[in-house]
Protein backbone atom coordinates (compact mmCIF):
# COMPACT_ATOMS: atom_id res chain seq x y z
CA MET A 1 -8.85 169.13 -20.74
CA ALA A 2 -6.82 171.59 -19.26
CA GLU A 3 -8.33 171.45 -15.45
CA HIS A 4 -7.57 167.98 -13.58
CA ASP A 5 -9.80 164.97 -14.30
CA PRO A 6 -9.50 161.97 -12.20
CA VAL A 7 -11.21 159.72 -14.94
CA VAL A 8 -8.24 161.53 -17.57
CA GLU A 9 -5.77 160.96 -15.18
CA GLU A 10 -7.08 157.36 -14.52
CA VAL A 11 -6.78 156.41 -18.15
CA TRP A 12 -3.51 158.25 -18.81
CA ASN A 13 -1.59 155.92 -15.91
CA ASP A 14 -3.29 153.18 -17.45
CA PHE A 15 -1.80 153.95 -20.79
CA HIS A 16 1.53 154.32 -19.51
CA SER A 17 1.40 151.08 -17.47
CA VAL A 18 1.07 149.23 -20.81
CA VAL A 19 2.47 151.13 -23.33
CA ASN A 20 6.25 150.27 -22.51
CA MET A 21 7.44 152.27 -25.98
CA THR A 22 8.57 156.12 -26.13
CA GLY A 23 7.28 158.23 -28.58
CA GLN A 24 10.40 158.23 -30.94
CA GLU A 25 10.76 154.62 -30.20
CA LEU A 26 7.36 153.42 -31.57
CA ARG A 27 7.63 155.98 -34.36
CA GLU A 28 11.13 154.43 -35.17
CA TRP A 29 9.49 151.16 -35.28
CA LEU A 30 6.68 152.05 -37.53
CA LEU A 31 8.71 153.57 -40.16
CA THR A 32 10.47 149.42 -40.57
CA ASN A 33 9.48 147.25 -42.82
CA ALA A 34 8.88 144.58 -39.63
CA SER A 35 5.74 146.42 -38.72
CA GLY A 36 3.94 145.61 -41.59
CA GLU A 37 0.53 147.07 -42.34
CA ASN A 38 1.00 150.02 -39.51
CA ALA A 39 4.23 150.96 -40.97
CA PHE A 40 4.73 154.53 -41.45
CA SER A 41 5.70 154.84 -45.12
CA ASN A 42 9.12 156.61 -45.68
CA ASP A 43 6.97 158.22 -48.97
CA PRO A 44 5.72 161.37 -47.62
CA ALA A 45 2.92 160.88 -50.22
CA HIS A 46 1.60 158.19 -49.07
CA PRO A 47 -0.47 158.49 -45.92
CA VAL A 48 0.70 157.40 -42.42
CA TRP A 49 -1.64 154.68 -40.79
CA ARG A 50 -3.65 156.62 -38.59
CA ARG A 51 -3.86 154.79 -35.08
CA GLY A 52 -0.29 154.71 -34.95
CA GLU A 53 0.59 158.54 -35.99
CA ALA A 54 -2.21 159.29 -33.49
CA ILE A 55 -0.11 157.14 -30.06
CA VAL A 56 3.01 159.05 -31.36
CA ASN A 57 1.27 162.16 -30.77
CA LEU A 58 -0.31 161.22 -27.66
CA LEU A 59 3.22 159.84 -25.92
CA ASN A 60 4.25 162.67 -26.52
CA LYS A 61 1.58 165.05 -25.37
CA ARG A 62 1.67 166.08 -21.39
CA GLN A 63 -1.47 165.12 -19.68
CA VAL A 64 -3.22 168.26 -19.60
CA ASP A 65 -3.35 168.36 -23.32
CA VAL A 66 -5.10 165.10 -23.72
CA THR A 67 -8.27 165.20 -25.84
CA LYS A 68 -12.03 162.82 -25.62
CA ASP A 69 -10.50 161.47 -28.74
CA ASP A 70 -6.84 161.21 -26.85
CA VAL A 71 -8.38 159.44 -23.96
CA GLU A 72 -10.52 156.69 -25.89
CA LEU A 73 -7.51 155.97 -27.92
CA MET A 74 -5.99 155.33 -24.63
CA ARG A 75 -8.75 152.78 -23.25
CA GLU A 76 -8.55 151.05 -26.60
CA VAL A 77 -4.80 150.43 -26.54
CA SER A 78 -4.77 149.83 -23.20
CA GLU A 79 -7.34 147.21 -23.70
CA PHE A 80 -5.97 145.75 -26.76
CA VAL A 81 -2.54 145.54 -25.08
CA ARG A 82 -4.05 143.62 -22.06
CA ASP A 83 -6.22 141.08 -24.41
CA ARG A 84 -2.85 140.27 -26.21
CA LEU A 85 -0.85 139.87 -23.16
CA ALA A 86 -3.39 137.53 -21.13
CA ASP A 87 -2.99 134.92 -24.19
CA PRO A 88 0.58 135.00 -24.90
CA HIS A 89 2.77 133.89 -28.14
CA ARG A 90 5.92 135.21 -27.21
CA GLU A 91 7.68 133.42 -29.70
CA ASP A 92 4.99 134.65 -32.46
CA ALA A 93 6.80 137.40 -34.16
CA GLU A 94 3.49 138.80 -35.64
CA TRP A 95 2.16 138.50 -32.47
CA ARG A 96 4.98 140.41 -30.96
CA HIS A 97 4.54 143.26 -34.07
CA ARG A 98 1.17 143.65 -33.29
CA LEU A 99 1.70 145.21 -29.79
CA MET A 100 4.94 147.16 -30.88
CA SER A 101 2.39 148.59 -33.16
CA VAL A 102 0.56 150.52 -30.83
CA GLY A 103 3.48 151.05 -28.24
CA HIS A 104 4.36 147.58 -25.97
CA ASP A 105 7.40 145.63 -26.87
CA PRO A 106 6.28 142.32 -24.90
CA LEU A 107 10.02 141.63 -25.22
CA SER A 108 10.95 144.08 -22.77
CA PRO A 109 12.05 143.87 -18.69
CA ASP A 110 9.45 146.05 -18.38
CA SER A 111 6.57 144.34 -20.03
CA ALA A 112 3.71 142.80 -18.43
CA ARG A 113 3.03 139.13 -17.69
CA PRO A 114 0.23 137.06 -17.11
CA ASP A 115 1.26 135.03 -14.50
CA GLU A 116 2.88 137.79 -12.63
CA GLU A 117 0.54 140.51 -12.67
CA GLU A 118 -2.94 140.48 -11.23
CA ASP A 119 -3.13 144.59 -12.72
CA LEU A 120 -3.90 142.87 -16.20
CA GLU A 121 -7.23 142.19 -15.35
CA ARG A 122 -8.98 145.39 -15.09
């Protein structure tokens, strides 16, 4: 998608507004046991969780390099994060882990709060 596409730009900006972890932070999180079934395996013979791997790869891309599949993934991740933030359970470790497995740490100071951010209703 080398040419400028306003739809891609909007999806890109939306995705990067809800994903508050870098590709490296997400990869490190997925390598931990705390990320559960979404974890990368330390054993090279085991497959990497595909969605997590795709998000890590996407976070390391430039906007001009995204594919149609990347755009769809960005939409899915943005919707997933917004849905989970709309019903926060900050004391629930599993809730946080699910969000972190797609690149959003809800305990990060830059995490959107539903009561502070009307933009979550997109």
